[in-house]
N, C-alpha and C. Protein backbone atom coordinates (compact mmCIF):
# COMPACT_ATOMS: atom_id res chain seq x y z
N MET A 1 0.83 -1.18 0.00
CA MET A 1 0.00 0.00 0.00
C MET A 1 0.88 1.24 0.00
N SER A 2 0.54 2.20 -0.83
CA SER A 2 1.32 3.41 -0.98
C SER A 2 0.99 4.40 0.13
N SER A 3 1.98 5.15 0.57
CA SER A 3 1.77 6.16 1.60
C SER A 3 1.49 7.53 0.98
N ARG A 4 1.55 7.63 -0.35
CA ARG A 4 1.28 8.90 -1.00
C ARG A 4 -0.20 9.23 -0.95
N ALA A 5 -0.49 10.51 -0.92
CA ALA A 5 -1.88 10.96 -0.95
C ALA A 5 -2.44 10.69 -2.34
N PRO A 6 -3.72 10.33 -2.42
CA PRO A 6 -4.30 10.08 -3.74
C PRO A 6 -4.32 11.37 -4.56
N ARG A 7 -4.18 11.23 -5.87
CA ARG A 7 -4.22 12.40 -6.73
C ARG A 7 -5.10 12.10 -7.93
N LEU A 8 -5.58 13.14 -8.54
CA LEU A 8 -6.40 12.98 -9.73
C LEU A 8 -5.52 12.48 -10.88
N PRO A 9 -6.12 11.83 -11.89
CA PRO A 9 -5.32 11.30 -13.00
C PRO A 9 -4.47 12.36 -13.68
N ASN A 10 -4.91 13.61 -13.71
CA ASN A 10 -4.11 14.65 -14.36
C ASN A 10 -3.07 15.26 -13.42
N GLY A 11 -3.10 14.89 -12.14
CA GLY A 11 -2.05 15.29 -11.22
C GLY A 11 -2.37 16.44 -10.29
N LEU A 12 -3.26 17.34 -10.64
CA LEU A 12 -3.53 18.50 -9.80
C LEU A 12 -5.00 18.56 -9.42
N PRO A 13 -5.28 18.99 -8.18
CA PRO A 13 -6.67 19.03 -7.72
C PRO A 13 -7.52 20.07 -8.45
N ASP A 14 -6.90 21.10 -9.03
CA ASP A 14 -7.70 22.14 -9.68
C ASP A 14 -8.03 21.82 -11.12
N GLY A 15 -7.67 20.63 -11.59
CA GLY A 15 -8.01 20.21 -12.95
C GLY A 15 -6.95 20.55 -13.98
N LYS A 16 -5.96 21.34 -13.61
CA LYS A 16 -4.88 21.65 -14.55
C LYS A 16 -3.96 20.44 -14.64
N SER A 17 -3.41 20.26 -15.80
CA SER A 17 -2.54 19.10 -15.99
C SER A 17 -1.14 19.38 -15.47
N LEU A 18 -0.66 18.50 -14.62
CA LEU A 18 0.71 18.60 -14.12
C LEU A 18 1.69 18.20 -15.21
N LEU A 19 1.28 17.34 -16.10
CA LEU A 19 2.18 16.84 -17.13
C LEU A 19 2.01 17.61 -18.44
N ASP A 20 2.29 18.91 -18.37
CA ASP A 20 2.28 19.71 -19.59
C ASP A 20 3.56 19.44 -20.37
N ASP A 21 3.71 20.07 -21.51
CA ASP A 21 4.86 19.82 -22.38
C ASP A 21 6.19 20.14 -21.69
N VAL A 22 6.22 21.21 -20.89
CA VAL A 22 7.45 21.59 -20.20
C VAL A 22 7.84 20.53 -19.17
N ASN A 23 6.87 20.07 -18.37
CA ASN A 23 7.19 19.05 -17.37
C ASN A 23 7.59 17.73 -18.03
N ARG A 24 6.96 17.40 -19.14
CA ARG A 24 7.39 16.19 -19.87
C ARG A 24 8.82 16.33 -20.37
N ALA A 25 9.17 17.51 -20.86
CA ALA A 25 10.55 17.76 -21.30
C ALA A 25 11.52 17.68 -20.12
N LEU A 26 11.10 18.22 -18.97
CA LEU A 26 11.94 18.12 -17.77
C LEU A 26 12.17 16.67 -17.37
N LEU A 27 11.11 15.87 -17.40
CA LEU A 27 11.23 14.45 -17.04
C LEU A 27 12.16 13.72 -18.00
N ARG A 28 12.06 14.02 -19.30
CA ARG A 28 12.96 13.37 -20.28
C ARG A 28 14.41 13.77 -20.00
N ALA A 29 14.63 15.07 -19.76
CA ALA A 29 15.99 15.55 -19.50
C ALA A 29 16.54 14.94 -18.22
N LEU A 30 15.72 14.88 -17.20
CA LEU A 30 16.15 14.30 -15.92
C LEU A 30 16.40 12.80 -16.06
N ASN A 31 15.60 12.13 -16.86
CA ASN A 31 15.81 10.71 -17.11
C ASN A 31 17.13 10.47 -17.85
N ASP A 32 17.46 11.35 -18.80
CA ASP A 32 18.71 11.23 -19.55
C ASP A 32 19.92 11.51 -18.67
N ASP A 33 19.78 12.47 -17.74
CA ASP A 33 20.88 12.83 -16.85
C ASP A 33 20.33 13.21 -15.48
N PRO A 34 20.15 12.21 -14.59
CA PRO A 34 19.57 12.48 -13.27
C PRO A 34 20.42 13.42 -12.41
N ARG A 35 21.68 13.61 -12.79
CA ARG A 35 22.55 14.49 -12.01
C ARG A 35 22.58 15.91 -12.55
N ALA A 36 21.77 16.19 -13.58
CA ALA A 36 21.75 17.53 -14.16
C ALA A 36 21.29 18.54 -13.10
N SER A 37 21.93 19.67 -13.09
CA SER A 37 21.57 20.73 -12.15
C SER A 37 20.29 21.42 -12.62
N ALA A 38 19.68 22.16 -11.70
CA ALA A 38 18.49 22.92 -12.07
C ALA A 38 18.83 23.92 -13.17
N ALA A 39 20.03 24.48 -13.12
CA ALA A 39 20.44 25.44 -14.15
C ALA A 39 20.54 24.76 -15.52
N GLU A 40 21.11 23.56 -15.56
CA GLU A 40 21.23 22.84 -16.82
C GLU A 40 19.85 22.45 -17.35
N LEU A 41 18.99 21.96 -16.47
CA LEU A 41 17.63 21.61 -16.88
C LEU A 41 16.90 22.85 -17.38
N ALA A 42 17.10 23.97 -16.70
CA ALA A 42 16.45 25.23 -17.10
C ALA A 42 16.86 25.63 -18.51
N ARG A 43 18.16 25.48 -18.83
CA ARG A 43 18.63 25.80 -20.18
C ARG A 43 17.93 24.91 -21.21
N GLN A 44 17.74 23.64 -20.87
CA GLN A 44 17.14 22.70 -21.83
C GLN A 44 15.67 22.99 -22.10
N VAL A 45 14.97 23.56 -21.13
CA VAL A 45 13.54 23.84 -21.33
C VAL A 45 13.23 25.34 -21.43
N ASN A 46 14.29 26.16 -21.56
CA ASN A 46 14.14 27.61 -21.72
C ASN A 46 13.34 28.26 -20.59
N MET A 47 13.74 27.95 -19.36
CA MET A 47 13.11 28.54 -18.18
C MET A 47 14.20 28.96 -17.21
N SER A 48 13.80 29.63 -16.14
CA SER A 48 14.76 29.98 -15.10
C SER A 48 14.96 28.79 -14.17
N ALA A 49 16.10 28.75 -13.51
CA ALA A 49 16.38 27.66 -12.56
C ALA A 49 15.37 27.63 -11.42
N PRO A 50 14.97 28.79 -10.83
CA PRO A 50 13.96 28.74 -9.77
C PRO A 50 12.62 28.16 -10.26
N ALA A 51 12.23 28.47 -11.49
CA ALA A 51 10.98 27.93 -12.03
C ALA A 51 11.09 26.41 -12.21
N VAL A 52 12.26 25.95 -12.63
CA VAL A 52 12.47 24.50 -12.79
C VAL A 52 12.44 23.82 -11.43
N ARG A 53 13.09 24.41 -10.43
CA ARG A 53 13.07 23.82 -9.09
C ARG A 53 11.63 23.73 -8.56
N GLU A 54 10.83 24.76 -8.82
CA GLU A 54 9.43 24.75 -8.39
C GLU A 54 8.66 23.64 -9.10
N ARG A 55 8.86 23.50 -10.39
CA ARG A 55 8.17 22.45 -11.14
C ARG A 55 8.60 21.06 -10.64
N LEU A 56 9.89 20.88 -10.41
CA LEU A 56 10.36 19.58 -9.91
C LEU A 56 9.77 19.29 -8.54
N GLY A 57 9.68 20.31 -7.71
CA GLY A 57 9.07 20.13 -6.39
C GLY A 57 7.62 19.68 -6.50
N ARG A 58 6.87 20.29 -7.44
CA ARG A 58 5.47 19.88 -7.63
C ARG A 58 5.39 18.45 -8.16
N LEU A 59 6.30 18.08 -9.05
CA LEU A 59 6.31 16.71 -9.57
C LEU A 59 6.64 15.71 -8.46
N GLU A 60 7.53 16.09 -7.57
CA GLU A 60 7.85 15.23 -6.43
C GLU A 60 6.66 15.11 -5.48
N GLU A 61 6.04 16.24 -5.14
CA GLU A 61 4.89 16.23 -4.23
C GLU A 61 3.74 15.40 -4.77
N ALA A 62 3.54 15.45 -6.08
CA ALA A 62 2.45 14.71 -6.70
C ALA A 62 2.77 13.23 -6.87
N GLY A 63 4.02 12.85 -6.61
CA GLY A 63 4.40 11.45 -6.73
C GLY A 63 4.79 11.03 -8.13
N VAL A 64 4.91 11.99 -9.06
CA VAL A 64 5.37 11.66 -10.41
C VAL A 64 6.84 11.28 -10.34
N ILE A 65 7.62 12.11 -9.67
CA ILE A 65 9.02 11.76 -9.40
C ILE A 65 9.04 11.09 -8.03
N ARG A 66 9.36 9.80 -8.03
CA ARG A 66 9.32 9.03 -6.78
C ARG A 66 10.65 9.03 -6.05
N GLY A 67 11.72 9.42 -6.74
CA GLY A 67 13.01 9.45 -6.09
C GLY A 67 14.11 9.55 -7.13
N TYR A 68 15.32 9.65 -6.64
CA TYR A 68 16.49 9.74 -7.49
C TYR A 68 17.39 8.58 -7.11
N ARG A 69 17.81 7.81 -8.08
CA ARG A 69 18.56 6.60 -7.81
C ARG A 69 19.84 6.54 -8.62
N VAL A 70 20.77 5.80 -8.10
CA VAL A 70 21.99 5.53 -8.83
C VAL A 70 21.82 4.18 -9.53
N ASP A 71 22.32 4.06 -10.74
CA ASP A 71 22.23 2.83 -11.52
C ASP A 71 23.59 2.14 -11.47
N ILE A 72 23.68 1.08 -10.69
CA ILE A 72 24.95 0.37 -10.50
C ILE A 72 24.91 -0.92 -11.29
N ASP A 73 25.98 -1.21 -12.01
CA ASP A 73 26.09 -2.44 -12.78
C ASP A 73 26.35 -3.60 -11.81
N PRO A 74 25.42 -4.56 -11.70
CA PRO A 74 25.63 -5.70 -10.79
C PRO A 74 26.92 -6.47 -11.09
N ALA A 75 27.32 -6.53 -12.36
CA ALA A 75 28.56 -7.24 -12.72
C ALA A 75 29.77 -6.59 -12.06
N ALA A 76 29.74 -5.27 -11.90
CA ALA A 76 30.84 -4.56 -11.24
C ALA A 76 30.93 -4.91 -9.77
N LEU A 77 29.83 -5.44 -9.21
CA LEU A 77 29.81 -5.87 -7.81
C LEU A 77 30.08 -7.37 -7.68
N GLY A 78 30.49 -7.99 -8.79
CA GLY A 78 30.77 -9.42 -8.76
C GLY A 78 29.53 -10.28 -8.97
N LEU A 79 28.46 -9.69 -9.53
CA LEU A 79 27.21 -10.42 -9.77
C LEU A 79 26.83 -10.32 -11.25
N PRO A 80 27.59 -11.00 -12.12
CA PRO A 80 27.36 -10.85 -13.57
C PRO A 80 26.15 -11.62 -14.12
N VAL A 81 25.59 -12.53 -13.34
CA VAL A 81 24.47 -13.34 -13.82
C VAL A 81 23.15 -12.76 -13.29
N THR A 82 22.26 -12.45 -14.21
CA THR A 82 20.94 -11.93 -13.85
C THR A 82 19.89 -12.92 -14.33
N ALA A 83 18.93 -13.20 -13.48
CA ALA A 83 17.83 -14.10 -13.84
C ALA A 83 16.51 -13.50 -13.40
N TRP A 84 15.48 -13.78 -14.18
CA TRP A 84 14.11 -13.47 -13.78
C TRP A 84 13.53 -14.76 -13.26
N VAL A 85 12.98 -14.72 -12.08
CA VAL A 85 12.43 -15.93 -11.44
C VAL A 85 10.95 -15.70 -11.16
N ARG A 86 10.12 -16.59 -11.70
CA ARG A 86 8.69 -16.55 -11.39
C ARG A 86 8.44 -17.55 -10.27
N VAL A 87 7.57 -17.16 -9.34
CA VAL A 87 7.26 -18.03 -8.20
C VAL A 87 5.75 -18.23 -8.14
N ARG A 88 5.36 -19.49 -8.05
CA ARG A 88 3.96 -19.86 -7.83
C ARG A 88 3.88 -20.45 -6.44
N PRO A 89 3.45 -19.65 -5.45
CA PRO A 89 3.41 -20.14 -4.06
C PRO A 89 2.39 -21.25 -3.88
N GLY A 90 2.67 -22.14 -2.93
CA GLY A 90 1.70 -23.15 -2.52
C GLY A 90 0.63 -22.49 -1.67
N PRO A 91 -0.41 -23.24 -1.32
CA PRO A 91 -1.50 -22.69 -0.51
C PRO A 91 -0.97 -22.09 0.80
N GLY A 92 -1.39 -20.87 1.08
CA GLY A 92 -1.01 -20.19 2.32
C GLY A 92 0.42 -19.66 2.34
N GLN A 93 1.15 -19.77 1.25
CA GLN A 93 2.56 -19.40 1.23
C GLN A 93 2.83 -18.00 0.66
N LEU A 94 1.82 -17.35 0.14
CA LEU A 94 2.01 -16.06 -0.51
C LEU A 94 2.74 -15.05 0.37
N PRO A 95 2.31 -14.80 1.60
CA PRO A 95 3.03 -13.81 2.42
C PRO A 95 4.45 -14.27 2.77
N LYS A 96 4.66 -15.57 2.86
CA LYS A 96 6.01 -16.06 3.16
C LYS A 96 6.97 -15.81 2.01
N VAL A 97 6.47 -15.95 0.77
CA VAL A 97 7.32 -15.68 -0.40
C VAL A 97 7.68 -14.20 -0.44
N ALA A 98 6.71 -13.33 -0.22
CA ALA A 98 6.99 -11.89 -0.23
C ALA A 98 8.00 -11.52 0.85
N ASP A 99 7.85 -12.08 2.04
CA ASP A 99 8.77 -11.81 3.13
C ASP A 99 10.18 -12.33 2.80
N LEU A 100 10.25 -13.54 2.27
CA LEU A 100 11.56 -14.12 1.91
C LEU A 100 12.24 -13.28 0.84
N ALA A 101 11.49 -12.83 -0.16
CA ALA A 101 12.07 -12.00 -1.21
C ALA A 101 12.66 -10.72 -0.61
N ALA A 102 11.95 -10.12 0.33
CA ALA A 102 12.44 -8.89 0.97
C ALA A 102 13.72 -9.13 1.76
N ARG A 103 13.90 -10.35 2.27
CA ARG A 103 15.08 -10.67 3.09
C ARG A 103 16.21 -11.30 2.29
N THR A 104 16.02 -11.53 1.00
CA THR A 104 17.04 -12.20 0.18
C THR A 104 17.85 -11.15 -0.57
N PRO A 105 19.13 -10.99 -0.23
CA PRO A 105 19.92 -9.91 -0.84
C PRO A 105 20.12 -10.06 -2.34
N GLU A 106 20.03 -11.27 -2.86
CA GLU A 106 20.21 -11.47 -4.31
C GLU A 106 19.01 -10.96 -5.11
N VAL A 107 17.88 -10.74 -4.46
CA VAL A 107 16.67 -10.25 -5.13
C VAL A 107 16.71 -8.72 -5.16
N SER A 108 16.80 -8.16 -6.37
CA SER A 108 16.82 -6.70 -6.50
C SER A 108 15.45 -6.12 -6.81
N GLU A 109 14.53 -6.95 -7.31
CA GLU A 109 13.16 -6.52 -7.59
C GLU A 109 12.24 -7.69 -7.30
N CYS A 110 11.05 -7.39 -6.81
CA CYS A 110 10.03 -8.41 -6.62
C CYS A 110 8.68 -7.76 -6.91
N HIS A 111 7.97 -8.32 -7.87
CA HIS A 111 6.68 -7.77 -8.28
C HIS A 111 5.59 -8.81 -8.06
N ARG A 112 4.46 -8.40 -7.55
CA ARG A 112 3.27 -9.26 -7.47
C ARG A 112 2.61 -9.17 -8.83
N ILE A 113 2.38 -10.29 -9.48
CA ILE A 113 1.87 -10.29 -10.84
C ILE A 113 0.59 -11.11 -10.97
N SER A 114 -0.09 -10.94 -12.07
CA SER A 114 -1.28 -11.74 -12.36
C SER A 114 -0.86 -12.95 -13.19
N GLY A 115 -1.78 -13.87 -13.39
CA GLY A 115 -1.48 -15.05 -14.19
C GLY A 115 -1.25 -16.25 -13.31
N ASP A 116 -0.64 -17.27 -13.89
CA ASP A 116 -0.41 -18.52 -13.16
C ASP A 116 0.54 -18.36 -11.98
N ASP A 117 1.53 -17.49 -12.13
CA ASP A 117 2.48 -17.25 -11.05
C ASP A 117 2.07 -15.99 -10.30
N CYS A 118 2.54 -15.86 -9.08
CA CYS A 118 2.17 -14.71 -8.26
C CYS A 118 3.28 -13.68 -8.11
N PHE A 119 4.53 -14.08 -8.32
CA PHE A 119 5.65 -13.17 -8.14
C PHE A 119 6.61 -13.27 -9.31
N LEU A 120 7.22 -12.14 -9.64
CA LEU A 120 8.29 -12.07 -10.62
C LEU A 120 9.43 -11.33 -9.93
N MET A 121 10.58 -12.01 -9.84
CA MET A 121 11.73 -11.44 -9.13
C MET A 121 12.93 -11.33 -10.06
N LYS A 122 13.69 -10.27 -9.88
CA LYS A 122 14.96 -10.12 -10.58
C LYS A 122 16.05 -10.49 -9.58
N VAL A 123 16.88 -11.44 -9.98
CA VAL A 123 17.90 -11.99 -9.08
C VAL A 123 19.28 -11.81 -9.70
N HIS A 124 20.26 -11.41 -8.90
CA HIS A 124 21.64 -11.26 -9.35
C HIS A 124 22.53 -12.19 -8.53
N VAL A 125 23.34 -12.99 -9.23
CA VAL A 125 24.24 -13.94 -8.57
C VAL A 125 25.60 -13.93 -9.26
N PRO A 126 26.64 -14.43 -8.56
CA PRO A 126 27.98 -14.42 -9.15
C PRO A 126 28.17 -15.46 -10.25
N ALA A 127 27.39 -16.55 -10.22
CA ALA A 127 27.52 -17.60 -11.24
C ALA A 127 26.19 -18.35 -11.33
N ILE A 128 25.98 -19.00 -12.44
CA ILE A 128 24.73 -19.75 -12.65
C ILE A 128 24.51 -20.74 -11.51
N GLU A 129 25.57 -21.40 -11.07
CA GLU A 129 25.44 -22.39 -9.99
C GLU A 129 24.92 -21.76 -8.69
N ALA A 130 25.21 -20.49 -8.49
CA ALA A 130 24.76 -19.80 -7.26
C ALA A 130 23.26 -19.58 -7.24
N LEU A 131 22.62 -19.65 -8.38
CA LEU A 131 21.17 -19.47 -8.42
C LEU A 131 20.47 -20.62 -7.70
N GLU A 132 21.08 -21.80 -7.71
CA GLU A 132 20.47 -22.96 -7.06
C GLU A 132 20.16 -22.68 -5.59
N ASP A 133 21.10 -22.07 -4.89
CA ASP A 133 20.88 -21.76 -3.47
C ASP A 133 19.70 -20.81 -3.28
N VAL A 134 19.62 -19.81 -4.14
CA VAL A 134 18.51 -18.85 -4.05
C VAL A 134 17.19 -19.57 -4.32
N LEU A 135 17.15 -20.37 -5.37
CA LEU A 135 15.91 -21.07 -5.72
C LEU A 135 15.48 -22.03 -4.62
N ASP A 136 16.46 -22.71 -4.02
CA ASP A 136 16.14 -23.66 -2.94
C ASP A 136 15.41 -22.97 -1.78
N ARG A 137 15.76 -21.72 -1.50
CA ARG A 137 15.09 -20.99 -0.42
C ARG A 137 13.62 -20.77 -0.73
N PHE A 138 13.30 -20.59 -2.01
CA PHE A 138 11.92 -20.33 -2.41
C PHE A 138 11.14 -21.61 -2.67
N LEU A 139 11.82 -22.68 -3.01
CA LEU A 139 11.12 -23.93 -3.34
C LEU A 139 10.34 -24.51 -2.17
N VAL A 140 10.70 -24.20 -0.95
CA VAL A 140 9.94 -24.71 0.20
C VAL A 140 8.56 -24.04 0.28
N HIS A 141 8.38 -22.94 -0.48
CA HIS A 141 7.12 -22.21 -0.45
C HIS A 141 6.31 -22.35 -1.74
N GLY A 142 6.88 -23.00 -2.75
CA GLY A 142 6.16 -23.14 -4.01
C GLY A 142 7.08 -23.50 -5.16
N ARG A 143 6.60 -23.28 -6.36
CA ARG A 143 7.30 -23.66 -7.59
C ARG A 143 8.00 -22.44 -8.18
N THR A 144 9.20 -22.63 -8.76
CA THR A 144 9.92 -21.53 -9.40
C THR A 144 10.21 -21.87 -10.86
N ILE A 145 10.27 -20.84 -11.67
CA ILE A 145 10.69 -20.97 -13.07
C ILE A 145 11.68 -19.83 -13.32
N SER A 146 12.84 -20.16 -13.87
CA SER A 146 13.90 -19.17 -14.05
C SER A 146 14.22 -18.95 -15.52
N SER A 147 14.56 -17.71 -15.83
CA SER A 147 15.05 -17.35 -17.17
C SER A 147 16.26 -16.45 -16.97
N PHE A 148 17.37 -16.79 -17.64
CA PHE A 148 18.58 -15.98 -17.52
C PHE A 148 18.57 -14.86 -18.54
N VAL A 149 19.05 -13.71 -18.13
CA VAL A 149 19.18 -12.57 -19.04
C VAL A 149 20.47 -12.79 -19.84
N VAL A 150 20.34 -12.82 -21.16
CA VAL A 150 21.51 -12.99 -22.01
C VAL A 150 21.92 -11.68 -22.68
N ALA A 151 20.99 -10.73 -22.80
CA ALA A 151 21.28 -9.41 -23.36
C ALA A 151 20.14 -8.47 -22.97
N THR A 152 20.42 -7.18 -23.04
CA THR A 152 19.40 -6.17 -22.74
C THR A 152 19.36 -5.20 -23.91
N PRO A 153 18.60 -5.55 -24.96
CA PRO A 153 18.57 -4.68 -26.13
C PRO A 153 17.86 -3.35 -25.90
N VAL A 154 16.99 -3.27 -24.89
CA VAL A 154 16.33 -2.00 -24.53
C VAL A 154 16.59 -1.77 -23.05
N GLU A 155 17.41 -0.77 -22.76
CA GLU A 155 17.71 -0.42 -21.37
C GLU A 155 16.46 0.18 -20.73
N PRO A 156 16.36 0.13 -19.39
CA PRO A 156 15.23 0.79 -18.73
C PRO A 156 15.13 2.25 -19.17
N ARG A 157 13.90 2.68 -19.41
CA ARG A 157 13.71 4.05 -19.89
C ARG A 157 12.42 4.61 -19.32
N LEU A 158 12.23 5.89 -19.54
CA LEU A 158 11.05 6.60 -19.09
C LEU A 158 9.82 6.03 -19.79
N PRO A 159 8.80 5.59 -19.04
CA PRO A 159 7.59 5.06 -19.68
C PRO A 159 6.96 6.10 -20.60
N GLY A 160 6.58 5.67 -21.78
CA GLY A 160 5.92 6.56 -22.73
C GLY A 160 6.88 7.47 -23.47
N ALA A 161 8.18 7.29 -23.26
CA ALA A 161 9.16 8.15 -23.95
C ALA A 161 9.14 7.86 -25.44
N SER A 162 9.31 8.91 -26.21
CA SER A 162 9.36 8.71 -27.66
C SER A 162 10.67 8.01 -28.01
N VAL A 163 10.60 7.17 -29.01
CA VAL A 163 11.76 6.39 -29.43
C VAL A 163 12.44 7.16 -30.54
N PRO A 164 13.79 7.29 -30.48
CA PRO A 164 14.51 8.08 -31.51
C PRO A 164 14.38 7.47 -32.89
């Protein structure tokens, strides 16, 4: 459950759209370079830095910008193998799988999904053989299916971003 206050689909209580062309341009620029200063962002959208800071503040308050993160290559941390693992919990095991995923350091993402399986997890390990230990922890709660990432032809990007 989210702790954010509910907001209208357009983002603002007065009916004005929070996601106007300028804010969309700001989000694209920030997505391309999350470390860009307000002054640099302002130059890109032809506004003043204080106006950009105000817009970013509103986007943060509305929950459009949920945070700022660093993107670290798992291989640089000695975890070159990435797998997506689907989990189909046994009866009564659903909360146990969610709790185990939260406590398993190899799990970098865990999503509750629809369909035959209930969870989709992104797992990083040092070698293919190391995945067995991770899977064994989940097998006591249900069935797992794994797929190894062999390439990433489309890097994570801003949802709805135009493609060059």
